Amino acid sequence: MESFEKGNILYHKRNYIEALEKYKEALLTNENNSTILYNIGVCFLKLERYFDSIEFFKKAISNSYNSKYFYNIGYCYTKLNNHKKALVYFNTSWAIDNSDDDCKNAINLILKKYKK
């Protein structure tokens, strides 16, 4: 079984640290694979390591524009209380996929804070 597949199994078991290691192994032979980079970012997100998460989501973006990559960076910035940066990434995500209700809700929550 491939490292990536093992990482997926571990991720679904919520074993994020071991999943992270398997994804990093998979990255050694597929260094520009956006899906692997994204999955590493998600593991860091689950471990509340937001700066590491942002780094890997940005690497994934450099290979492929996907609204969920931008959305997750926005989410990380929200968790880091940097709402201005969060709003930039949520808006970019929304521009790519304006049917994403989670993104729309995130934008509206931040805008409500600015209106106060």
PDB file of N, CA and C in Angstrom:
ATOM      1  N   MET A   1       0.842  -1.194   0.000  1.00  0.00           N
ATOM      2  CA  MET A   1       0.000   0.000   0.000  1.00  0.00           C
ATOM      3  C   MET A   1       0.883   1.252   0.000  1.00  0.00           C
ATOM      4  N   GLU A   2       0.506   2.212  -0.785  1.00  0.00           N
ATOM      5  CA  GLU A   2       1.240   3.461  -0.899  1.00  0.00           C
ATOM      6  C   GLU A   2       1.157   4.280   0.383  1.00  0.00           C
ATOM      7  N   SER A   3       2.172   5.123   0.581  1.00  0.00           N
ATOM      8  CA  SER A   3       2.188   5.994   1.755  1.00  0.00           C
ATOM      9  C   SER A   3       0.967   6.910   1.785  1.00  0.00           C
ATOM     10  N   PHE A   4       0.584   7.418   0.618  1.00  0.00           N
ATOM     11  CA  PHE A   4      -0.571   8.310   0.554  1.00  0.00           C
ATOM     12  C   PHE A   4      -1.841   7.605   1.023  1.00  0.00           C
ATOM     13  N   GLU A   5      -2.051   6.394   0.547  1.00  0.00           N
ATOM     14  CA  GLU A   5      -3.235   5.634   0.947  1.00  0.00           C
ATOM     15  C   GLU A   5      -3.206   5.314   2.438  1.00  0.00           C
ATOM     16  N   LYS A   6      -2.031   4.964   2.946  1.00  0.00           N
ATOM     17  CA  LYS A   6      -1.899   4.717   4.388  1.00  0.00           C
ATOM     18  C   LYS A   6      -2.207   5.989   5.176  1.00  0.00           C
ATOM     19  N   GLY A   7      -1.742   7.122   4.640  1.00  0.00           N
ATOM     20  CA  GLY A   7      -2.037   8.403   5.282  1.00  0.00           C
ATOM     21  C   GLY A   7      -3.533   8.656   5.340  1.00  0.00           C
ATOM     22  N   ASN A   8      -4.233   8.354   4.258  1.00  0.00           N
ATOM     23  CA  ASN A   8      -5.691   8.529   4.239  1.00  0.00           C
ATOM     24  C   ASN A   8      -6.376   7.663   5.284  1.00  0.00           C
ATOM     25  N   ILE A   9      -5.939   6.426   5.403  1.00  0.00           N
ATOM     26  CA  ILE A   9      -6.521   5.513   6.394  1.00  0.00           C
ATOM     27  C   ILE A   9      -6.300   6.062   7.804  1.00  0.00           C
ATOM     28  N   LEU A  10      -5.067   6.499   8.070  1.00  0.00           N
ATOM     29  CA  LEU A  10      -4.745   7.044   9.392  1.00  0.00           C
ATOM     30  C   LEU A  10      -5.525   8.333   9.658  1.00  0.00           C
ATOM     31  N   TYR A  11      -5.679   9.155   8.641  1.00  0.00           N
ATOM     32  CA  TYR A  11      -6.440  10.393   8.784  1.00  0.00           C
ATOM     33  C   TYR A  11      -7.886  10.082   9.173  1.00  0.00           C
ATOM     34  N   HIS A  12      -8.495   9.132   8.494  1.00  0.00           N
ATOM     35  CA  HIS A  12      -9.894   8.799   8.783  1.00  0.00           C
ATOM     36  C   HIS A  12     -10.062   8.163  10.168  1.00  0.00           C
ATOM     37  N   LYS A  13      -8.968   7.642  10.699  1.00  0.00           N
ATOM     38  CA  LYS A  13      -8.990   7.136  12.075  1.00  0.00           C
ATOM     39  C   LYS A  13      -8.650   8.243  13.082  1.00  0.00           C
ATOM     40  N   ARG A  14      -8.495   9.465  12.550  1.00  0.00           N
ATOM     41  CA  ARG A  14      -8.148  10.644  13.354  1.00  0.00           C
ATOM     42  C   ARG A  14      -6.777  10.546  14.002  1.00  0.00           C
ATOM     43  N   ASN A  15      -5.922   9.792  13.372  1.00  0.00           N
ATOM     44  CA  ASN A  15      -4.544   9.695  13.833  1.00  0.00           C
ATOM     45  C   ASN A  15      -3.714  10.646  12.975  1.00  0.00           C
ATOM     46  N   TYR A  16      -3.829  11.947  13.268  1.00  0.00           N
ATOM     47  CA  TYR A  16      -3.287  12.982  12.399  1.00  0.00           C
ATOM     48  C   TYR A  16      -1.761  13.026  12.386  1.00  0.00           C
ATOM     49  N   ILE A  17      -1.130  12.707  13.482  1.00  0.00           N
ATOM     50  CA  ILE A  17       0.335  12.744  13.529  1.00  0.00           C
ATOM     51  C   ILE A  17       0.922  11.666  12.624  1.00  0.00           C
ATOM     52  N   GLU A  18       0.415  10.453  12.721  1.00  0.00           N
ATOM     53  CA  GLU A  18       0.926   9.384  11.862  1.00  0.00           C
ATOM     54  C   GLU A  18       0.512   9.596  10.404  1.00  0.00           C
ATOM     55  N   ALA A  19      -0.670  10.122  10.182  1.00  0.00           N
ATOM     56  CA  ALA A  19      -1.106  10.427   8.814  1.00  0.00           C
ATOM     57  C   ALA A  19      -0.172  11.460   8.201  1.00  0.00           C
ATOM     58  N   LEU A  20       0.192  12.441   8.985  1.00  0.00           N
ATOM     59  CA  LEU A  20       1.105  13.482   8.533  1.00  0.00           C
ATOM     60  C   LEU A  20       2.432  12.877   8.074  1.00  0.00           C
ATOM     61  N   GLU A  21       2.947  11.941   8.838  1.00  0.00           N
ATOM     62  CA  GLU A  21       4.211  11.290   8.473  1.00  0.00           C
ATOM     63  C   GLU A  21       4.080  10.520   7.161  1.00  0.00           C
ATOM     64  N   LYS A  22       2.969   9.839   6.978  1.00  0.00           N
ATOM     65  CA  LYS A  22       2.757   9.085   5.727  1.00  0.00           C
ATOM     66  C   LYS A  22       2.616  10.029   4.535  1.00  0.00           C
ATOM     67  N   TYR A  23       1.909  11.133   4.733  1.00  0.00           N
ATOM     68  CA  TYR A  23       1.783  12.105   3.651  1.00  0.00           C
ATOM     69  C   TYR A  23       3.142  12.713   3.303  1.00  0.00           C
ATOM     70  N   LYS A  24       3.957  12.970   4.321  1.00  0.00           N
ATOM     71  CA  LYS A  24       5.296  13.513   4.057  1.00  0.00           C
ATOM     72  C   LYS A  24       6.147  12.502   3.288  1.00  0.00           C
ATOM     73  N   GLU A  25       5.987  11.222   3.607  1.00  0.00           N
ATOM     74  CA  GLU A  25       6.680  10.172   2.837  1.00  0.00           C
ATOM     75  C   GLU A  25       6.217  10.202   1.384  1.00  0.00           C
ATOM     76  N   ALA A  26       4.929  10.313   1.182  1.00  0.00           N
ATOM     77  CA  ALA A  26       4.378  10.352  -0.174  1.00  0.00           C
ATOM     78  C   ALA A  26       4.878  11.579  -0.931  1.00  0.00           C
ATOM     79  N   LEU A  27       5.091  12.655  -0.219  1.00  0.00           N
ATOM     80  CA  LEU A  27       5.551  13.892  -0.831  1.00  0.00           C
ATOM     81  C   LEU A  27       6.977  13.760  -1.372  1.00  0.00           C
ATOM     82  N   LEU A  28       7.755  12.879  -0.790  1.00  0.00           N
ATOM     83  CA  LEU A  28       9.143  12.691  -1.245  1.00  0.00           C
ATOM     84  C   LEU A  28       9.211  12.273  -2.710  1.00  0.00           C
ATOM     85  N   THR A  29       8.244  11.515  -3.164  1.00  0.00           N
ATOM     86  CA  THR A  29       8.244  11.066  -4.557  1.00  0.00           C
ATOM     87  C   THR A  29       7.277  11.868  -5.434  1.00  0.00           C
ATOM     88  N   ASN A  30       6.475  12.713  -4.821  1.00  0.00           N
ATOM     89  CA  ASN A  30       5.501  13.543  -5.551  1.00  0.00           C
ATOM     90  C   ASN A  30       5.508  14.956  -4.978  1.00  0.00           C
ATOM     91  N   GLU A  31       6.631  15.641  -5.061  1.00  0.00           N
ATOM     92  CA  GLU A  31       6.811  16.897  -4.332  1.00  0.00           C
ATOM     93  C   GLU A  31       5.868  18.024  -4.743  1.00  0.00           C
ATOM     94  N   ASN A  32       5.316  17.978  -5.921  1.00  0.00           N
ATOM     95  CA  ASN A  32       4.414  19.043  -6.359  1.00  0.00           C
ATOM     96  C   ASN A  32       2.956  18.594  -6.420  1.00  0.00           C
ATOM     97  N   ASN A  33       2.622  17.530  -5.735  1.00  0.00           N
ATOM     98  CA  ASN A  33       1.266  17.010  -5.772  1.00  0.00           C
ATOM     99  C   ASN A  33       0.381  17.839  -4.831  1.00  0.00           C
ATOM    100  N   SER A  34      -0.541  18.578  -5.425  1.00  0.00           N
ATOM    101  CA  SER A  34      -1.401  19.470  -4.645  1.00  0.00           C
ATOM    102  C   SER A  34      -2.242  18.739  -3.608  1.00  0.00           C
ATOM    103  N   THR A  35      -2.698  17.558  -3.949  1.00  0.00           N
ATOM    104  CA  THR A  35      -3.532  16.799  -3.015  1.00  0.00           C
ATOM    105  C   THR A  35      -2.743  16.406  -1.777  1.00  0.00           C
ATOM    106  N   ILE A  36      -1.520  15.963  -1.969  1.00  0.00           N
ATOM    107  CA  ILE A  36      -0.680  15.600  -0.813  1.00  0.00           C
ATOM    108  C   ILE A  36      -0.384  16.837   0.022  1.00  0.00           C
ATOM    109  N   LEU A  37      -0.016  17.928  -0.636  1.00  0.00           N
ATOM    110  CA  LEU A  37       0.265  19.177   0.081  1.00  0.00           C
ATOM    111  C   LEU A  37      -0.964  19.626   0.871  1.00  0.00           C
ATOM    112  N   TYR A  38      -2.122  19.536   0.250  1.00  0.00           N
ATOM    113  CA  TYR A  38      -3.369  19.907   0.921  1.00  0.00           C
ATOM    114  C   TYR A  38      -3.630  19.004   2.132  1.00  0.00           C
ATOM    115  N   ASN A  39      -3.451  17.696   1.963  1.00  0.00           N
ATOM    116  CA  ASN A  39      -3.702  16.768   3.070  1.00  0.00           C
ATOM    117  C   ASN A  39      -2.760  17.025   4.238  1.00  0.00           C
ATOM    118  N   ILE A  40      -1.509  17.372   3.937  1.00  0.00           N
ATOM    119  CA  ILE A  40      -0.572  17.736   5.007  1.00  0.00           C
ATOM    120  C   ILE A  40      -1.096  18.979   5.728  1.00  0.00           C
ATOM    121  N   GLY A  41      -1.547  19.949   4.947  1.00  0.00           N
ATOM    122  CA  GLY A  41      -2.109  21.157   5.545  1.00  0.00           C
ATOM    123  C   GLY A  41      -3.296  20.863   6.447  1.00  0.00           C
ATOM    124  N   VAL A  42      -4.156  19.958   6.016  1.00  0.00           N
ATOM    125  CA  VAL A  42      -5.327  19.598   6.822  1.00  0.00           C
ATOM    126  C   VAL A  42      -4.900  18.905   8.124  1.00  0.00           C
ATOM    127  N   CYS A  43      -3.907  18.041   8.043  1.00  0.00           N
ATOM    128  CA  CYS A  43      -3.417  17.399   9.276  1.00  0.00           C
ATOM    129  C   CYS A  43      -2.900  18.447  10.255  1.00  0.00           C
ATOM    130  N   PHE A  44      -2.112  19.405   9.758  1.00  0.00           N
ATOM    131  CA  PHE A  44      -1.636  20.479  10.634  1.00  0.00           C
ATOM    132  C   PHE A  44      -2.811  21.284  11.188  1.00  0.00           C
ATOM    133  N   LEU A  45      -3.824  21.496  10.377  1.00  0.00           N
ATOM    134  CA  LEU A  45      -5.026  22.193  10.832  1.00  0.00           C
ATOM    135  C   LEU A  45      -5.680  21.445  11.983  1.00  0.00           C
ATOM    136  N   LYS A  46      -5.831  20.138  11.837  1.00  0.00           N
ATOM    137  CA  LYS A  46      -6.443  19.318  12.888  1.00  0.00           C
ATOM    138  C   LYS A  46      -5.612  19.335  14.166  1.00  0.00           C
ATOM    139  N   LEU A  47      -4.297  19.492  14.002  1.00  0.00           N
ATOM    140  CA  LEU A  47      -3.390  19.545  15.154  1.00  0.00           C
ATOM    141  C   LEU A  47      -3.245  20.965  15.705  1.00  0.00           C
ATOM    142  N   GLU A  48      -4.024  21.906  15.129  1.00  0.00           N
ATOM    143  CA  GLU A  48      -4.029  23.311  15.520  1.00  0.00           C
ATOM    144  C   GLU A  48      -2.670  23.979  15.335  1.00  0.00           C
ATOM    145  N   ARG A  49      -1.929  23.527  14.340  1.00  0.00           N
ATOM    146  CA  ARG A  49      -0.645  24.133  13.972  1.00  0.00           C
ATOM    147  C   ARG A  49      -0.909  24.979  12.723  1.00  0.00           C
ATOM    148  N   TYR A  50      -1.512  26.133  12.961  1.00  0.00           N
ATOM    149  CA  TYR A  50      -2.076  26.933  11.882  1.00  0.00           C
ATOM    150  C   TYR A  50      -1.031  27.516  10.931  1.00  0.00           C
ATOM    151  N   PHE A  51       0.108  27.950  11.442  1.00  0.00           N
ATOM    152  CA  PHE A  51       1.135  28.497  10.556  1.00  0.00           C
ATOM    153  C   PHE A  51       1.682  27.418   9.620  1.00  0.00           C
ATOM    154  N   ASP A  52       1.892  26.218  10.159  1.00  0.00           N
ATOM    155  CA  ASP A  52       2.343  25.110   9.311  1.00  0.00           C
ATOM    156  C   ASP A  52       1.274  24.769   8.276  1.00  0.00           C
ATOM    157  N   SER A  53       0.036  24.788   8.703  1.00  0.00           N
ATOM    158  CA  SER A  53      -1.078  24.499   7.821  1.00  0.00           C
ATOM    159  C   SER A  53      -1.115  25.497   6.659  1.00  0.00           C
ATOM    160  N   ILE A  54      -0.999  26.769   6.970  1.00  0.00           N
ATOM    161  CA  ILE A  54      -1.010  27.811   5.943  1.00  0.00           C
ATOM    162  C   ILE A  54       0.109  27.591   4.932  1.00  0.00           C
ATOM    163  N   GLU A  55       1.282  27.248   5.428  1.00  0.00           N
ATOM    164  CA  GLU A  55       2.426  27.010   4.546  1.00  0.00           C
ATOM    165  C   GLU A  55       2.106  25.943   3.501  1.00  0.00           C
ATOM    166  N   PHE A  56       1.510  24.850   3.926  1.00  0.00           N
ATOM    167  CA  PHE A  56       1.227  23.761   2.988  1.00  0.00           C
ATOM    168  C   PHE A  56       0.036  24.062   2.076  1.00  0.00           C
ATOM    169  N   PHE A  57      -0.955  24.777   2.580  1.00  0.00           N
ATOM    170  CA  PHE A  57      -2.051  25.182   1.701  1.00  0.00           C
ATOM    171  C   PHE A  57      -1.536  26.120   0.604  1.00  0.00           C
ATOM    172  N   LYS A  58      -0.619  27.024   0.972  1.00  0.00           N
ATOM    173  CA  LYS A  58      -0.050  27.932  -0.032  1.00  0.00           C
ATOM    174  C   LYS A  58       0.769  27.167  -1.063  1.00  0.00           C
ATOM    175  N   LYS A  59       1.485  26.154  -0.623  1.00  0.00           N
ATOM    176  CA  LYS A  59       2.226  25.322  -1.579  1.00  0.00           C
ATOM    177  C   LYS A  59       1.263  24.610  -2.522  1.00  0.00           C
ATOM    178  N   ALA A  60       0.144  24.148  -1.999  1.00  0.00           N
ATOM    179  CA  ALA A  60      -0.854  23.481  -2.842  1.00  0.00           C
ATOM    180  C   ALA A  60      -1.411  24.471  -3.868  1.00  0.00           C
ATOM    181  N   ILE A  61      -1.645  25.706  -3.440  1.00  0.00           N
ATOM    182  CA  ILE A  61      -2.158  26.737  -4.351  1.00  0.00           C
ATOM    183  C   ILE A  61      -1.178  27.019  -5.478  1.00  0.00           C
ATOM    184  N   SER A  62       0.103  26.951  -5.178  1.00  0.00           N
ATOM    185  CA  SER A  62       1.090  27.256  -6.224  1.00  0.00           C
ATOM    186  C   SER A  62       1.025  26.247  -7.375  1.00  0.00           C
ATOM    187  N   ASN A  63       0.419  25.104  -7.132  1.00  0.00           N
ATOM    188  CA  ASN A  63       0.282  24.078  -8.168  1.00  0.00           C
ATOM    189  C   ASN A  63      -1.132  23.993  -8.740  1.00  0.00           C
ATOM    190  N   SER A  64      -2.112  24.440  -7.981  1.00  0.00           N
ATOM    191  CA  SER A  64      -3.497  24.278  -8.408  1.00  0.00           C
ATOM    192  C   SER A  64      -4.394  25.247  -7.638  1.00  0.00           C
ATOM    193  N   TYR A  65      -5.182  26.038  -8.350  1.00  0.00           N
ATOM    194  CA  TYR A  65      -6.145  26.919  -7.693  1.00  0.00           C
ATOM    195  C   TYR A  65      -7.388  26.112  -7.372  1.00  0.00           C
ATOM    196  N   ASN A  66      -7.665  25.999  -6.091  1.00  0.00           N
ATOM    197  CA  ASN A  66      -8.829  25.270  -5.645  1.00  0.00           C
ATOM    198  C   ASN A  66      -9.449  26.086  -4.519  1.00  0.00           C
ATOM    199  N   SER A  67     -10.727  26.298  -4.577  1.00  0.00           N
ATOM    200  CA  SER A  67     -11.376  27.156  -3.582  1.00  0.00           C
ATOM    201  C   SER A  67     -11.164  26.652  -2.158  1.00  0.00           C
ATOM    202  N   LYS A  68     -11.121  25.324  -1.975  1.00  0.00           N
ATOM    203  CA  LYS A  68     -10.974  24.817  -0.602  1.00  0.00           C
ATOM    204  C   LYS A  68      -9.589  25.117  -0.024  1.00  0.00           C
ATOM    205  N   TYR A  69      -8.583  25.271  -0.877  1.00  0.00           N
ATOM    206  CA  TYR A  69      -7.252  25.645  -0.388  1.00  0.00           C
ATOM    207  C   TYR A  69      -7.311  27.046   0.210  1.00  0.00           C
ATOM    208  N   PHE A  70      -7.936  27.970  -0.523  1.00  0.00           N
ATOM    209  CA  PHE A  70      -8.070  29.350  -0.040  1.00  0.00           C
ATOM    210  C   PHE A  70      -8.969  29.422   1.188  1.00  0.00           C
ATOM    211  N   TYR A  71     -10.055  28.651   1.169  1.00  0.00           N
ATOM    212  CA  TYR A  71     -10.979  28.635   2.308  1.00  0.00           C
ATOM    213  C   TYR A  71     -10.241  28.212   3.588  1.00  0.00           C
ATOM    214  N   ASN A  72      -9.443  27.163   3.498  1.00  0.00           N
ATOM    215  CA  ASN A  72      -8.751  26.671   4.688  1.00  0.00           C
ATOM    216  C   ASN A  72      -7.688  27.638   5.188  1.00  0.00           C
ATOM    217  N   ILE A  73      -7.050  28.374   4.278  1.00  0.00           N
ATOM    218  CA  ILE A  73      -6.127  29.416   4.741  1.00  0.00           C
ATOM    219  C   ILE A  73      -6.918  30.485   5.490  1.00  0.00           C
ATOM    220  N   GLY A  74      -8.061  30.869   4.940  1.00  0.00           N
ATOM    221  CA  GLY A  74      -8.914  31.833   5.635  1.00  0.00           C
ATOM    222  C   GLY A  74      -9.313  31.342   7.011  1.00  0.00           C
ATOM    223  N   TYR A  75      -9.661  30.071   7.091  1.00  0.00           N
ATOM    224  CA  TYR A  75     -10.039  29.483   8.384  1.00  0.00           C
ATOM    225  C   TYR A  75      -8.867  29.563   9.367  1.00  0.00           C
ATOM    226  N   CYS A  76      -7.670  29.237   8.901  1.00  0.00           N
ATOM    227  CA  CYS A  76      -6.485  29.308   9.775  1.00  0.00           C
ATOM    228  C   CYS A  76      -6.276  30.728  10.282  1.00  0.00           C
ATOM    229  N   TYR A  77      -6.383  31.705   9.377  1.00  0.00           N
ATOM    230  CA  TYR A  77      -6.211  33.093   9.812  1.00  0.00           C
ATOM    231  C   TYR A  77      -7.297  33.504  10.799  1.00  0.00           C
ATOM    232  N   THR A  78      -8.493  32.981  10.653  1.00  0.00           N
ATOM    233  CA  THR A  78      -9.546  33.248  11.632  1.00  0.00           C
ATOM    234  C   THR A  78      -9.139  32.705  13.001  1.00  0.00           C
ATOM    235  N   LYS A  79      -8.626  31.498  13.017  1.00  0.00           N
ATOM    236  CA  LYS A  79      -8.193  30.883  14.282  1.00  0.00           C
ATOM    237  C   LYS A  79      -7.023  31.658  14.907  1.00  0.00           C
ATOM    238  N   LEU A  80      -6.239  32.341  14.050  1.00  0.00           N
ATOM    239  CA  LEU A  80      -5.117  33.154  14.530  1.00  0.00           C
ATOM    240  C   LEU A  80      -5.537  34.597  14.812  1.00  0.00           C
ATOM    241  N   ASN A  81      -6.859  34.860  14.744  1.00  0.00           N
ATOM    242  CA  ASN A  81      -7.440  36.185  14.990  1.00  0.00           C
ATOM    243  C   ASN A  81      -6.925  37.263  14.040  1.00  0.00           C
ATOM    244  N   ASN A  82      -6.582  36.852  12.823  1.00  0.00           N
ATOM    245  CA  ASN A  82      -6.198  37.813  11.797  1.00  0.00           C
ATOM    246  C   ASN A  82      -7.344  37.846  10.774  1.00  0.00           C
ATOM    247  N   HIS A  83      -8.372  38.601  11.122  1.00  0.00           N
ATOM    248  CA  HIS A  83      -9.602  38.588  10.336  1.00  0.00           C
ATOM    249  C   HIS A  83      -9.454  39.282   8.984  1.00  0.00           C
ATOM    250  N   LYS A  84      -8.558  40.251   8.884  1.00  0.00           N
ATOM    251  CA  LYS A  84      -8.352  40.912   7.593  1.00  0.00           C
ATOM    252  C   LYS A  84      -7.786  39.927   6.571  1.00  0.00           C
ATOM    253  N   LYS A  85      -6.765  39.180   6.972  1.00  0.00           N
ATOM    254  CA  LYS A  85      -6.203  38.179   6.052  1.00  0.00           C
ATOM    255  C   LYS A  85      -7.211  37.068   5.786  1.00  0.00           C
ATOM    256  N   ALA A  86      -7.943  36.679   6.814  1.00  0.00           N
ATOM    257  CA  ALA A  86      -8.965  35.643   6.634  1.00  0.00           C
ATOM    258  C   ALA A  86      -9.962  36.074   5.575  1.00  0.00           C
ATOM    259  N   LEU A  87     -10.393  37.313   5.653  1.00  0.00           N
ATOM    260  CA  LEU A  87     -11.379  37.828   4.712  1.00  0.00           C
ATOM    261  C   LEU A  87     -10.842  37.810   3.275  1.00  0.00           C
ATOM    262  N   VAL A  88      -9.570  38.139   3.101  1.00  0.00           N
ATOM    263  CA  VAL A  88      -8.956  38.097   1.763  1.00  0.00           C
ATOM    264  C   VAL A  88      -9.037  36.677   1.199  1.00  0.00           C
ATOM    265  N   TYR A  89      -8.682  35.694   2.006  1.00  0.00           N
ATOM    266  CA  TYR A  89      -8.685  34.312   1.515  1.00  0.00           C
ATOM    267  C   TYR A  89     -10.095  33.764   1.339  1.00  0.00           C
ATOM    268  N   PHE A  90     -10.993  34.110   2.234  1.00  0.00           N
ATOM    269  CA  PHE A  90     -12.386  33.679   2.054  1.00  0.00           C
ATOM    270  C   PHE A  90     -12.979  34.294   0.775  1.00  0.00           C
ATOM    271  N   ASN A  91     -12.678  35.567   0.532  1.00  0.00           N
ATOM    272  CA  ASN A  91     -13.194  36.217  -0.676  1.00  0.00           C
ATOM    273  C   ASN A  91     -12.614  35.578  -1.939  1.00  0.00           C
ATOM    274  N   THR A  92     -11.355  35.207  -1.898  1.00  0.00           N
ATOM    275  CA  THR A  92     -10.748  34.530  -3.052  1.00  0.00           C
ATOM    276  C   THR A  92     -11.419  33.184  -3.267  1.00  0.00           C
ATOM    277  N   SER A  93     -11.641  32.467  -2.199  1.00  0.00           N
ATOM    278  CA  SER A  93     -12.334  31.179  -2.287  1.00  0.00           C
ATOM    279  C   SER A  93     -13.722  31.367  -2.887  1.00  0.00           C
ATOM    280  N   TRP A  94     -14.414  32.395  -2.414  1.00  0.00           N
ATOM    281  CA  TRP A  94     -15.767  32.686  -2.892  1.00  0.00           C
ATOM    282  C   TRP A  94     -15.753  33.049  -4.371  1.00  0.00           C
ATOM    283  N   ALA A  95     -14.710  33.772  -4.805  1.00  0.00           N
ATOM    284  CA  ALA A  95     -14.603  34.146  -6.219  1.00  0.00           C
ATOM    285  C   ALA A  95     -14.424  32.917  -7.109  1.00  0.00           C
ATOM    286  N   ILE A  96     -13.757  31.913  -6.584  1.00  0.00           N
ATOM    287  CA  ILE A  96     -13.543  30.676  -7.344  1.00  0.00           C
ATOM    288  C   ILE A  96     -14.804  29.821  -7.356  1.00  0.00           C
ATOM    289  N   ASP A  97     -15.468  29.742  -6.205  1.00  0.00           N
ATOM    290  CA  ASP A  97     -16.668  28.911  -6.091  1.00  0.00           C
ATOM    291  C   ASP A  97     -17.719  29.633  -5.254  1.00  0.00           C
ATOM    292  N   ASN A  98     -18.567  30.421  -5.912  1.00  0.00           N
ATOM    293  CA  ASN A  98     -19.554  31.195  -5.153  1.00  0.00           C
ATOM    294  C   ASN A  98     -20.791  30.396  -4.765  1.00  0.00           C
ATOM    295  N   SER A  99     -20.712  29.079  -4.891  1.00  0.00           N
ATOM    296  CA  SER A  99     -21.813  28.242  -4.406  1.00  0.00           C
ATOM    297  C   SER A  99     -21.500  27.628  -3.038  1.00  0.00           C
ATOM    298  N   ASP A 100     -20.349  27.979  -2.476  1.00  0.00           N
ATOM    299  CA  ASP A 100     -19.913  27.416  -1.195  1.00  0.00           C
ATOM    300  C   ASP A 100     -20.555  28.186  -0.041  1.00  0.00           C
ATOM    301  N   ASP A 101     -21.561  27.591   0.566  1.00  0.00           N
ATOM    302  CA  ASP A 101     -22.277  28.256   1.664  1.00  0.00           C
ATOM    303  C   ASP A 101     -21.411  28.457   2.902  1.00  0.00           C
ATOM    304  N   ASP A 102     -20.492  27.530   3.169  1.00  0.00           N
ATOM    305  CA  ASP A 102     -19.594  27.695   4.320  1.00  0.00           C
ATOM    306  C   ASP A 102     -18.748  28.951   4.153  1.00  0.00           C
ATOM    307  N   CYS A 103     -18.258  29.151   2.954  1.00  0.00           N
ATOM    308  CA  CYS A 103     -17.447  30.332   2.665  1.00  0.00           C
ATOM    309  C   CYS A 103     -18.281  31.603   2.812  1.00  0.00           C
ATOM    310  N   LYS A 104     -19.467  31.594   2.266  1.00  0.00           N
ATOM    311  CA  LYS A 104     -20.376  32.739   2.373  1.00  0.00           C
ATOM    312  C   LYS A 104     -20.647  33.072   3.839  1.00  0.00           C
ATOM    313  N   ASN A 105     -20.906  32.062   4.644  1.00  0.00           N
ATOM    314  CA  ASN A 105     -21.173  32.261   6.069  1.00  0.00           C
ATOM    315  C   ASN A 105     -19.952  32.817   6.798  1.00  0.00           C
ATOM    316  N   ALA A 106     -18.765  32.317   6.451  1.00  0.00           N
ATOM    317  CA  ALA A 106     -17.536  32.797   7.082  1.00  0.00           C
ATOM    318  C   ALA A 106     -17.320  34.280   6.769  1.00  0.00           C
ATOM    319  N   ILE A 107     -17.528  34.658   5.514  1.00  0.00           N
ATOM    320  CA  ILE A 107     -17.388  36.056   5.119  1.00  0.00           C
ATOM    321  C   ILE A 107     -18.379  36.923   5.894  1.00  0.00           C
ATOM    322  N   ASN A 108     -19.623  36.485   5.965  1.00  0.00           N
ATOM    323  CA  ASN A 108     -20.646  37.264   6.673  1.00  0.00           C
ATOM    324  C   ASN A 108     -20.345  37.404   8.159  1.00  0.00           C
ATOM    325  N   LEU A 109     -19.801  36.364   8.780  1.00  0.00           N
ATOM    326  CA  LEU A 109     -19.444  36.450  10.207  1.00  0.00           C
ATOM    327  C   LEU A 109     -18.357  37.489  10.442  1.00  0.00           C
ATOM    328  N   ILE A 110     -17.361  37.502   9.575  1.00  0.00           N
ATOM    329  CA  ILE A 110     -16.275  38.480   9.729  1.00  0.00           C
ATOM    330  C   ILE A 110     -16.806  39.893   9.478  1.00  0.00           C
ATOM    331  N   LEU A 111     -17.616  40.051   8.445  1.00  0.00           N
ATOM    332  CA  LEU A 111     -18.149  41.381   8.144  1.00  0.00           C
ATOM    333  C   LEU A 111     -19.013  41.917   9.283  1.00  0.00           C
ATOM    334  N   LYS A 112     -19.744  41.036   9.956  1.00  0.00           N
ATOM    335  CA  LYS A 112     -20.539  41.462  11.110  1.00  0.00           C
ATOM    336  C   LYS A 112     -19.652  42.018  12.216  1.00  0.00           C
ATOM    337  N   LYS A 113     -18.471  41.428  12.382  1.00  0.00           N
ATOM    338  CA  LYS A 113     -17.534  41.939  13.413  1.00  0.00           C
ATOM    339  C   LYS A 113     -17.054  43.340  13.068  1.00  0.00           C
ATOM    340  N   TYR A 114     -16.849  43.613  11.778  1.00  0.00           N
ATOM    341  CA  TYR A 114     -16.398  44.933  11.357  1.00  0.00           C
ATOM    342  C   TYR A 114     -17.496  45.985  11.464  1.00  0.00           C
ATOM    343  N   LYS A 115     -18.742  45.582  11.388  1.00  0.00           N
ATOM    344  CA  LYS A 115     -19.859  46.517  11.449  1.00  0.00           C
ATOM    345  C   LYS A 115     -20.108  47.007  12.873  1.00  0.00           C
ATOM    346  N   LYS A 116     -19.615  46.279  13.856  1.00  0.00           N
ATOM    347  CA  LYS A 116     -19.854  46.657  15.259  1.00  0.00           C
ATOM    348  C   LYS A 116     -19.054  47.870  15.663  1.00  0.00           C
TER     349      LYS A 116
END
